[in-house]
Amino acid sequence: MAAITVNIDDNIYEHALALFAFKGVSAEAAIKELFERAAYDEYPRYEHLEPNEETVAAIQECEDILNGKVDAKGYTDVDEMISDILSEEGE
């Protein structure tokens, strides 16, 4: 069995780990799948996707919230959250 070491930009690495976690996949499993597809499909077919302006703005807002630059209300009660969402829709 082969092993590889790869140097990846920290920001790219953290974003990729977050995506893998969201999908329920480990980084190792994702990389293994990439190699398997390359081996068995001759070469993986990639689409280079650029996020639109709305997506870029949403990502920036999330990063600002996580970094404490933007205040965001947190919830421990789902009913309170839904109530707030519905009251905002009526405004």
PDB file of N, CA and C in Angstrom:
ATOM      1  N   MET A   1       0.847  -1.166   0.000  1.00  0.00           N
ATOM      2  CA  MET A   1       0.000   0.000   0.000  1.00  0.00           C
ATOM      3  C   MET A   1       0.897   1.234   0.000  1.00  0.00           C
ATOM      4  N   ALA A   2       0.569   2.217  -0.826  1.00  0.00           N
ATOM      5  CA  ALA A   2       1.353   3.443  -0.956  1.00  0.00           C
ATOM      6  C   ALA A   2       0.841   4.512  -0.001  1.00  0.00           C
ATOM      7  N   ALA A   3       1.713   5.418   0.362  1.00  0.00           N
ATOM      8  CA  ALA A   3       1.357   6.576   1.175  1.00  0.00           C
ATOM      9  C   ALA A   3       1.924   7.812   0.503  1.00  0.00           C
ATOM     10  N   ILE A   4       1.196   8.931   0.606  1.00  0.00           N
ATOM     11  CA  ILE A   4       1.685  10.173   0.010  1.00  0.00           C
ATOM     12  C   ILE A   4       1.626  11.296   1.040  1.00  0.00           C
ATOM     13  N   THR A   5       2.460  12.297   0.832  1.00  0.00           N
ATOM     14  CA  THR A   5       2.443  13.510   1.644  1.00  0.00           C
ATOM     15  C   THR A   5       2.255  14.671   0.690  1.00  0.00           C
ATOM     16  N   VAL A   6       1.324  15.555   1.028  1.00  0.00           N
ATOM     17  CA  VAL A   6       1.012  16.679   0.154  1.00  0.00           C
ATOM     18  C   VAL A   6       0.997  17.957   0.977  1.00  0.00           C
ATOM     19  N   ASN A   7       1.621  19.003   0.473  1.00  0.00           N
ATOM     20  CA  ASN A   7       1.556  20.312   1.110  1.00  0.00           C
ATOM     21  C   ASN A   7       0.400  21.086   0.490  1.00  0.00           C
ATOM     22  N   ILE A   8      -0.526  21.549   1.332  1.00  0.00           N
ATOM     23  CA  ILE A   8      -1.710  22.267   0.880  1.00  0.00           C
ATOM     24  C   ILE A   8      -1.834  23.547   1.695  1.00  0.00           C
ATOM     25  N   ASP A   9      -2.210  24.625   1.035  1.00  0.00           N
ATOM     26  CA  ASP A   9      -2.458  25.892   1.709  1.00  0.00           C
ATOM     27  C   ASP A   9      -3.423  25.665   2.883  1.00  0.00           C
ATOM     28  N   ASP A  10      -3.120  26.248   4.049  1.00  0.00           N
ATOM     29  CA  ASP A  10      -3.929  26.037   5.250  1.00  0.00           C
ATOM     30  C   ASP A  10      -5.393  26.397   5.041  1.00  0.00           C
ATOM     31  N   ASN A  11      -5.657  27.507   4.346  1.00  0.00           N
ATOM     32  CA  ASN A  11      -7.027  27.947   4.125  1.00  0.00           C
ATOM     33  C   ASN A  11      -7.796  26.933   3.274  1.00  0.00           C
ATOM     34  N   ILE A  12      -7.169  26.461   2.206  1.00  0.00           N
ATOM     35  CA  ILE A  12      -7.792  25.454   1.340  1.00  0.00           C
ATOM     36  C   ILE A  12      -8.029  24.174   2.134  1.00  0.00           C
ATOM     37  N   TYR A  13      -7.057  23.776   2.929  1.00  0.00           N
ATOM     38  CA  TYR A  13      -7.153  22.563   3.733  1.00  0.00           C
ATOM     39  C   TYR A  13      -8.345  22.644   4.690  1.00  0.00           C
ATOM     40  N   GLU A  14      -8.481  23.759   5.405  1.00  0.00           N
ATOM     41  CA  GLU A  14      -9.572  23.911   6.371  1.00  0.00           C
ATOM     42  C   GLU A  14     -10.927  23.913   5.679  1.00  0.00           C
ATOM     43  N   HIS A  15     -11.033  24.598   4.537  1.00  0.00           N
ATOM     44  CA  HIS A  15     -12.295  24.616   3.796  1.00  0.00           C
ATOM     45  C   HIS A  15     -12.643  23.215   3.291  1.00  0.00           C
ATOM     46  N   ALA A  16     -11.654  22.500   2.794  1.00  0.00           N
ATOM     47  CA  ALA A  16     -11.899  21.146   2.295  1.00  0.00           C
ATOM     48  C   ALA A  16     -12.320  20.218   3.443  1.00  0.00           C
ATOM     49  N   LEU A  17     -11.647  20.318   4.583  1.00  0.00           N
ATOM     50  CA  LEU A  17     -12.029  19.486   5.730  1.00  0.00           C
ATOM     51  C   LEU A  17     -13.459  19.760   6.159  1.00  0.00           C
ATOM     52  N   ALA A  18     -13.861  21.031   6.123  1.00  0.00           N
ATOM     53  CA  ALA A  18     -15.233  21.383   6.489  1.00  0.00           C
ATOM     54  C   ALA A  18     -16.231  20.758   5.511  1.00  0.00           C
ATOM     55  N   LEU A  19     -15.909  20.803   4.219  1.00  0.00           N
ATOM     56  CA  LEU A  19     -16.780  20.190   3.216  1.00  0.00           C
ATOM     57  C   LEU A  19     -16.851  18.681   3.416  1.00  0.00           C
ATOM     58  N   PHE A  20     -15.703  18.051   3.621  1.00  0.00           N
ATOM     59  CA  PHE A  20     -15.688  16.605   3.841  1.00  0.00           C
ATOM     60  C   PHE A  20     -16.509  16.239   5.074  1.00  0.00           C
ATOM     61  N   ALA A  21     -16.366  17.005   6.158  1.00  0.00           N
ATOM     62  CA  ALA A  21     -17.114  16.733   7.387  1.00  0.00           C
ATOM     63  C   ALA A  21     -18.609  16.878   7.122  1.00  0.00           C
ATOM     64  N   PHE A  22     -18.986  17.902   6.359  1.00  0.00           N
ATOM     65  CA  PHE A  22     -20.397  18.111   6.019  1.00  0.00           C
ATOM     66  C   PHE A  22     -20.938  16.916   5.241  1.00  0.00           C
ATOM     67  N   LYS A  23     -20.119  16.368   4.378  1.00  0.00           N
ATOM     68  CA  LYS A  23     -20.524  15.212   3.569  1.00  0.00           C
ATOM     69  C   LYS A  23     -20.344  13.889   4.309  1.00  0.00           C
ATOM     70  N   GLY A  24     -19.739  13.946   5.501  1.00  0.00           N
ATOM     71  CA  GLY A  24     -19.532  12.727   6.275  1.00  0.00           C
ATOM     72  C   GLY A  24     -18.402  11.857   5.760  1.00  0.00           C
ATOM     73  N   VAL A  25     -17.395  12.498   5.171  1.00  0.00           N
ATOM     74  CA  VAL A  25     -16.277  11.775   4.568  1.00  0.00           C
ATOM     75  C   VAL A  25     -14.976  12.289   5.183  1.00  0.00           C
ATOM     76  N   SER A  26     -14.050  11.396   5.431  1.00  0.00           N
ATOM     77  CA  SER A  26     -12.744  11.822   5.923  1.00  0.00           C
ATOM     78  C   SER A  26     -11.903  12.319   4.756  1.00  0.00           C
ATOM     79  N   ALA A  27     -10.886  13.104   5.065  1.00  0.00           N
ATOM     80  CA  ALA A  27      -9.970  13.582   4.024  1.00  0.00           C
ATOM     81  C   ALA A  27      -9.309  12.395   3.333  1.00  0.00           C
ATOM     82  N   GLU A  28      -8.943  11.403   4.118  1.00  0.00           N
ATOM     83  CA  GLU A  28      -8.296  10.214   3.543  1.00  0.00           C
ATOM     84  C   GLU A  28      -9.211   9.518   2.551  1.00  0.00           C
ATOM     85  N   ALA A  29     -10.492   9.387   2.891  1.00  0.00           N
ATOM     86  CA  ALA A  29     -11.439   8.718   1.992  1.00  0.00           C
ATOM     87  C   ALA A  29     -11.641   9.526   0.712  1.00  0.00           C
ATOM     88  N   ALA A  30     -11.682  10.857   0.834  1.00  0.00           N
ATOM     89  CA  ALA A  30     -11.854  11.708  -0.348  1.00  0.00           C
ATOM     90  C   ALA A  30     -10.659  11.583  -1.287  1.00  0.00           C
ATOM     91  N   ILE A  31      -9.464  11.583  -0.729  1.00  0.00           N
ATOM     92  CA  ILE A  31      -8.253  11.464  -1.552  1.00  0.00           C
ATOM     93  C   ILE A  31      -8.184  10.077  -2.181  1.00  0.00           C
ATOM     94  N   LYS A  32      -8.543   9.064  -1.417  1.00  0.00           N
ATOM     95  CA  LYS A  32      -8.546   7.703  -1.957  1.00  0.00           C
ATOM     96  C   LYS A  32      -9.524   7.601  -3.130  1.00  0.00           C
ATOM     97  N   GLU A  33     -10.695   8.224  -2.991  1.00  0.00           N
ATOM     98  CA  GLU A  33     -11.674   8.205  -4.078  1.00  0.00           C
ATOM     99  C   GLU A  33     -11.127   8.902  -5.320  1.00  0.00           C
ATOM    100  N   LEU A  34     -10.432  10.026  -5.127  1.00  0.00           N
ATOM    101  CA  LEU A  34      -9.817  10.734  -6.246  1.00  0.00           C
ATOM    102  C   LEU A  34      -8.867   9.807  -7.009  1.00  0.00           C
ATOM    103  N   PHE A  35      -8.024   9.096  -6.282  1.00  0.00           N
ATOM    104  CA  PHE A  35      -7.064   8.201  -6.919  1.00  0.00           C
ATOM    105  C   PHE A  35      -7.766   7.019  -7.590  1.00  0.00           C
ATOM    106  N   GLU A  36      -8.802   6.491  -6.951  1.00  0.00           N
ATOM    107  CA  GLU A  36      -9.534   5.379  -7.556  1.00  0.00           C
ATOM    108  C   GLU A  36     -10.211   5.812  -8.851  1.00  0.00           C
ATOM    109  N   ARG A  37     -10.808   6.992  -8.838  1.00  0.00           N
ATOM    110  CA  ARG A  37     -11.437   7.492 -10.066  1.00  0.00           C
ATOM    111  C   ARG A  37     -10.394   7.713 -11.153  1.00  0.00           C
ATOM    112  N   ALA A  38      -9.255   8.247 -10.761  1.00  0.00           N
ATOM    113  CA  ALA A  38      -8.186   8.463 -11.745  1.00  0.00           C
ATOM    114  C   ALA A  38      -7.735   7.135 -12.336  1.00  0.00           C
ATOM    115  N   ALA A  39      -7.646   6.110 -11.495  1.00  0.00           N
ATOM    116  CA  ALA A  39      -7.161   4.811 -11.957  1.00  0.00           C
ATOM    117  C   ALA A  39      -8.195   4.080 -12.802  1.00  0.00           C
ATOM    118  N   TYR A  40      -9.458   4.137 -12.404  1.00  0.00           N
ATOM    119  CA  TYR A  40     -10.472   3.324 -13.067  1.00  0.00           C
ATOM    120  C   TYR A  40     -11.284   4.075 -14.114  1.00  0.00           C
ATOM    121  N   ASP A  41     -11.354   5.383 -14.013  1.00  0.00           N
ATOM    122  CA  ASP A  41     -12.094   6.170 -15.000  1.00  0.00           C
ATOM    123  C   ASP A  41     -11.146   6.846 -15.979  1.00  0.00           C
ATOM    124  N   GLU A  42      -9.874   6.445 -15.954  1.00  0.00           N
ATOM    125  CA  GLU A  42      -8.802   6.999 -16.772  1.00  0.00           C
ATOM    126  C   GLU A  42      -8.379   8.377 -16.279  1.00  0.00           C
ATOM    127  N   TYR A  43      -9.313   9.243 -15.943  1.00  0.00           N
ATOM    128  CA  TYR A  43      -8.975  10.532 -15.346  1.00  0.00           C
ATOM    129  C   TYR A  43     -10.268  11.147 -14.832  1.00  0.00           C
ATOM    130  N   PRO A  44     -10.244  11.695 -13.643  1.00  0.00           N
ATOM    131  CA  PRO A  44     -11.485  12.283 -13.127  1.00  0.00           C
ATOM    132  C   PRO A  44     -11.915  13.494 -13.952  1.00  0.00           C
ATOM    133  N   ARG A  45     -13.194  13.620 -14.101  1.00  0.00           N
ATOM    134  CA  ARG A  45     -13.733  14.754 -14.845  1.00  0.00           C
ATOM    135  C   ARG A  45     -14.091  15.841 -13.835  1.00  0.00           C
ATOM    136  N   TYR A  46     -13.392  16.949 -13.911  1.00  0.00           N
ATOM    137  CA  TYR A  46     -13.619  18.046 -12.978  1.00  0.00           C
ATOM    138  C   TYR A  46     -14.266  19.206 -13.691  1.00  0.00           C
ATOM    139  N   GLU A  47     -15.137  19.862 -12.985  1.00  0.00           N
ATOM    140  CA  GLU A  47     -15.679  21.118 -13.455  1.00  0.00           C
ATOM    141  C   GLU A  47     -15.146  22.180 -12.512  1.00  0.00           C
ATOM    142  N   HIS A  48     -14.524  23.181 -13.071  1.00  0.00           N
ATOM    143  CA  HIS A  48     -14.030  24.274 -12.237  1.00  0.00           C
ATOM    144  C   HIS A  48     -15.205  25.214 -11.997  1.00  0.00           C
ATOM    145  N   LEU A  49     -15.710  25.223 -10.784  1.00  0.00           N
ATOM    146  CA  LEU A  49     -16.873  26.022 -10.452  1.00  0.00           C
ATOM    147  C   LEU A  49     -16.462  27.263  -9.685  1.00  0.00           C
ATOM    148  N   GLU A  50     -16.935  28.391 -10.133  1.00  0.00           N
ATOM    149  CA  GLU A  50     -16.693  29.651  -9.448  1.00  0.00           C
ATOM    150  C   GLU A  50     -17.997  30.047  -8.756  1.00  0.00           C
ATOM    151  N   PRO A  51     -17.937  30.368  -7.473  1.00  0.00           N
ATOM    152  CA  PRO A  51     -19.165  30.790  -6.792  1.00  0.00           C
ATOM    153  C   PRO A  51     -19.640  32.144  -7.313  1.00  0.00           C
ATOM    154  N   ASN A  52     -20.967  32.314  -7.334  1.00  0.00           N
ATOM    155  CA  ASN A  52     -21.495  33.605  -7.765  1.00  0.00           C
ATOM    156  C   ASN A  52     -21.346  34.624  -6.642  1.00  0.00           C
ATOM    157  N   GLU A  53     -21.705  35.879  -6.922  1.00  0.00           N
ATOM    158  CA  GLU A  53     -21.505  36.956  -5.954  1.00  0.00           C
ATOM    159  C   GLU A  53     -22.281  36.718  -4.660  1.00  0.00           C
ATOM    160  N   GLU A  54     -23.481  36.181  -4.774  1.00  0.00           N
ATOM    161  CA  GLU A  54     -24.301  35.917  -3.588  1.00  0.00           C
ATOM    162  C   GLU A  54     -23.632  34.877  -2.686  1.00  0.00           C
ATOM    163  N   THR A  55     -23.074  33.839  -3.299  1.00  0.00           N
ATOM    164  CA  THR A  55     -22.397  32.802  -2.524  1.00  0.00           C
ATOM    165  C   THR A  55     -21.136  33.348  -1.866  1.00  0.00           C
ATOM    166  N   VAL A  56     -20.368  34.142  -2.603  1.00  0.00           N
ATOM    167  CA  VAL A  56     -19.157  34.744  -2.039  1.00  0.00           C
ATOM    168  C   VAL A  56     -19.520  35.628  -0.847  1.00  0.00           C
ATOM    169  N   ALA A  57     -20.603  36.407  -0.982  1.00  0.00           N
ATOM    170  CA  ALA A  57     -21.043  37.280   0.115  1.00  0.00           C
ATOM    171  C   ALA A  57     -21.478  36.452   1.321  1.00  0.00           C
ATOM    172  N   ALA A  58     -22.175  35.346   1.090  1.00  0.00           N
ATOM    173  CA  ALA A  58     -22.629  34.483   2.191  1.00  0.00           C
ATOM    174  C   ALA A  58     -21.438  33.849   2.904  1.00  0.00           C
ATOM    175  N   ILE A  59     -20.447  33.407   2.148  1.00  0.00           N
ATOM    176  CA  ILE A  59     -19.247  32.817   2.750  1.00  0.00           C
ATOM    177  C   ILE A  59     -18.517  33.855   3.586  1.00  0.00           C
ATOM    178  N   GLN A  60     -18.402  35.085   3.050  1.00  0.00           N
ATOM    179  CA  GLN A  60     -17.740  36.150   3.786  1.00  0.00           C
ATOM    180  C   GLN A  60     -18.498  36.479   5.072  1.00  0.00           C
ATOM    181  N   GLU A  61     -19.833  36.505   4.996  1.00  0.00           N
ATOM    182  CA  GLU A  61     -20.636  36.775   6.190  1.00  0.00           C
ATOM    183  C   GLU A  61     -20.412  35.696   7.248  1.00  0.00           C
ATOM    184  N   CYS A  62     -20.368  34.446   6.836  1.00  0.00           N
ATOM    185  CA  CYS A  62     -20.108  33.347   7.779  1.00  0.00           C
ATOM    186  C   CYS A  62     -18.738  33.493   8.434  1.00  0.00           C
ATOM    187  N   GLU A  63     -17.740  33.813   7.628  1.00  0.00           N
ATOM    188  CA  GLU A  63     -16.394  33.990   8.181  1.00  0.00           C
ATOM    189  C   GLU A  63     -16.354  35.166   9.147  1.00  0.00           C
ATOM    190  N   ASP A  64     -17.081  36.253   8.816  1.00  0.00           N
ATOM    191  CA  ASP A  64     -17.133  37.412   9.706  1.00  0.00           C
ATOM    192  C   ASP A  64     -17.814  37.068  11.029  1.00  0.00           C
ATOM    193  N   ILE A  65     -18.863  36.259  10.968  1.00  0.00           N
ATOM    194  CA  ILE A  65     -19.547  35.829  12.194  1.00  0.00           C
ATOM    195  C   ILE A  65     -18.609  34.975  13.033  1.00  0.00           C
ATOM    196  N   LEU A  66     -17.947  34.014  12.385  1.00  0.00           N
ATOM    197  CA  LEU A  66     -17.034  33.132  13.113  1.00  0.00           C
ATOM    198  C   LEU A  66     -15.865  33.887  13.728  1.00  0.00           C
ATOM    199  N   ASN A  67     -15.425  34.961  13.071  1.00  0.00           N
ATOM    200  CA  ASN A  67     -14.297  35.750  13.568  1.00  0.00           C
ATOM    201  C   ASN A  67     -14.726  36.868  14.508  1.00  0.00           C
ATOM    202  N   GLY A  68     -16.030  36.935  14.833  1.00  0.00           N
ATOM    203  CA  GLY A  68     -16.522  37.936  15.769  1.00  0.00           C
ATOM    204  C   GLY A  68     -16.640  39.332  15.198  1.00  0.00           C
ATOM    205  N   LYS A  69     -16.557  39.481  13.886  1.00  0.00           N
ATOM    206  CA  LYS A  69     -16.671  40.803  13.264  1.00  0.00           C
ATOM    207  C   LYS A  69     -18.131  41.220  13.110  1.00  0.00           C
ATOM    208  N   VAL A  70     -19.040  40.250  13.111  1.00  0.00           N
ATOM    209  CA  VAL A  70     -20.470  40.497  12.967  1.00  0.00           C
ATOM    210  C   VAL A  70     -21.186  39.776  14.099  1.00  0.00           C
ATOM    211  N   ASP A  71     -22.084  40.505  14.767  1.00  0.00           N
ATOM    212  CA  ASP A  71     -22.879  39.862  15.814  1.00  0.00           C
ATOM    213  C   ASP A  71     -23.951  38.996  15.178  1.00  0.00           C
ATOM    214  N   ALA A  72     -24.147  37.835  15.727  1.00  0.00           N
ATOM    215  CA  ALA A  72     -25.188  36.936  15.240  1.00  0.00           C
ATOM    216  C   ALA A  72     -25.865  36.298  16.444  1.00  0.00           C
ATOM    217  N   LYS A  73     -27.165  36.208  16.376  1.00  0.00           N
ATOM    218  CA  LYS A  73     -27.921  35.613  17.468  1.00  0.00           C
ATOM    219  C   LYS A  73     -27.843  34.094  17.358  1.00  0.00           C
ATOM    220  N   GLY A  74     -27.568  33.449  18.473  1.00  0.00           N
ATOM    221  CA  GLY A  74     -27.554  31.998  18.517  1.00  0.00           C
ATOM    222  C   GLY A  74     -28.812  31.497  19.207  1.00  0.00           C
ATOM    223  N   TYR A  75     -29.173  30.294  18.936  1.00  0.00           N
ATOM    224  CA  TYR A  75     -30.386  29.732  19.504  1.00  0.00           C
ATOM    225  C   TYR A  75     -30.103  28.398  20.188  1.00  0.00           C
ATOM    226  N   THR A  76     -30.821  28.157  21.271  1.00  0.00           N
ATOM    227  CA  THR A  76     -30.840  26.836  21.902  1.00  0.00           C
ATOM    228  C   THR A  76     -32.258  26.277  21.879  1.00  0.00           C
ATOM    229  N   ASP A  77     -33.190  27.071  21.342  1.00  0.00           N
ATOM    230  CA  ASP A  77     -34.597  26.689  21.282  1.00  0.00           C
ATOM    231  C   ASP A  77     -35.078  26.836  19.839  1.00  0.00           C
ATOM    232  N   VAL A  78     -35.462  25.740  19.225  1.00  0.00           N
ATOM    233  CA  VAL A  78     -35.885  25.752  17.827  1.00  0.00           C
ATOM    234  C   VAL A  78     -37.140  26.595  17.639  1.00  0.00           C
ATOM    235  N   ASP A  79     -38.085  26.510  18.580  1.00  0.00           N
ATOM    236  CA  ASP A  79     -39.321  27.284  18.458  1.00  0.00           C
ATOM    237  C   ASP A  79     -39.029  28.786  18.432  1.00  0.00           C
ATOM    238  N   GLU A  80     -38.088  29.230  19.257  1.00  0.00           N
ATOM    239  CA  GLU A  80     -37.707  30.646  19.277  1.00  0.00           C
ATOM    240  C   GLU A  80     -37.087  31.039  17.934  1.00  0.00           C
ATOM    241  N   MET A  81     -36.237  30.182  17.388  1.00  0.00           N
ATOM    242  CA  MET A  81     -35.602  30.471  16.113  1.00  0.00           C
ATOM    243  C   MET A  81     -36.653  30.597  15.012  1.00  0.00           C
ATOM    244  N   ILE A  82     -37.577  29.645  14.932  1.00  0.00           N
ATOM    245  CA  ILE A  82     -38.621  29.676  13.901  1.00  0.00           C
ATOM    246  C   ILE A  82     -39.494  30.910  14.074  1.00  0.00           C
ATOM    247  N   SER A  83     -39.818  31.229  15.302  1.00  0.00           N
ATOM    248  CA  SER A  83     -40.610  32.428  15.580  1.00  0.00           C
ATOM    249  C   SER A  83     -39.906  33.677  15.070  1.00  0.00           C
ATOM    250  N   ASP A  84     -38.602  33.791  15.317  1.00  0.00           N
ATOM    251  CA  ASP A  84     -37.831  34.933  14.835  1.00  0.00           C
ATOM    252  C   ASP A  84     -37.803  34.978  13.310  1.00  0.00           C
ATOM    253  N   ILE A  85     -37.625  33.830  12.678  1.00  0.00           N
ATOM    254  CA  ILE A  85     -37.578  33.766  11.213  1.00  0.00           C
ATOM    255  C   ILE A  85     -38.907  34.218  10.637  1.00  0.00           C
ATOM    256  N   LEU A  86     -40.008  33.700  11.192  1.00  0.00           N
ATOM    257  CA  LEU A  86     -41.326  34.054  10.674  1.00  0.00           C
ATOM    258  C   LEU A  86     -41.644  35.525  10.908  1.00  0.00           C
ATOM    259  N   SER A  87     -41.202  36.085  12.038  1.00  0.00           N
ATOM    260  CA  SER A  87     -41.464  37.500  12.291  1.00  0.00           C
ATOM    261  C   SER A  87     -40.653  38.381  11.349  1.00  0.00           C
ATOM    262  N   GLU A  88     -39.470  37.930  10.925  1.00  0.00           N
ATOM    263  CA  GLU A  88     -38.652  38.691   9.978  1.00  0.00           C
ATOM    264  C   GLU A  88     -39.279  38.685   8.595  1.00  0.00           C
ATOM    265  N   GLU A  89     -39.967  37.592   8.239  1.00  0.00           N
ATOM    266  CA  GLU A  89     -40.594  37.502   6.912  1.00  0.00           C
ATOM    267  C   GLU A  89     -41.715  38.506   6.764  1.00  0.00           C
ATOM    268  N   GLY A  90     -42.388  38.828   7.865  1.00  0.00           N
ATOM    269  CA  GLY A  90     -43.495  39.760   7.824  1.00  0.00           C
ATOM    270  C   GLY A  90     -43.065  41.207   7.782  1.00  0.00           C
ATOM    271  N   GLU A  91     -41.801  41.476   7.997  1.00  0.00           N
ATOM    272  CA  GLU A  91     -41.316  42.865   8.025  1.00  0.00           C
ATOM    273  C   GLU A  91     -41.158  43.437   6.654  1.00  0.00           C
TER     274      GLU A  91
END
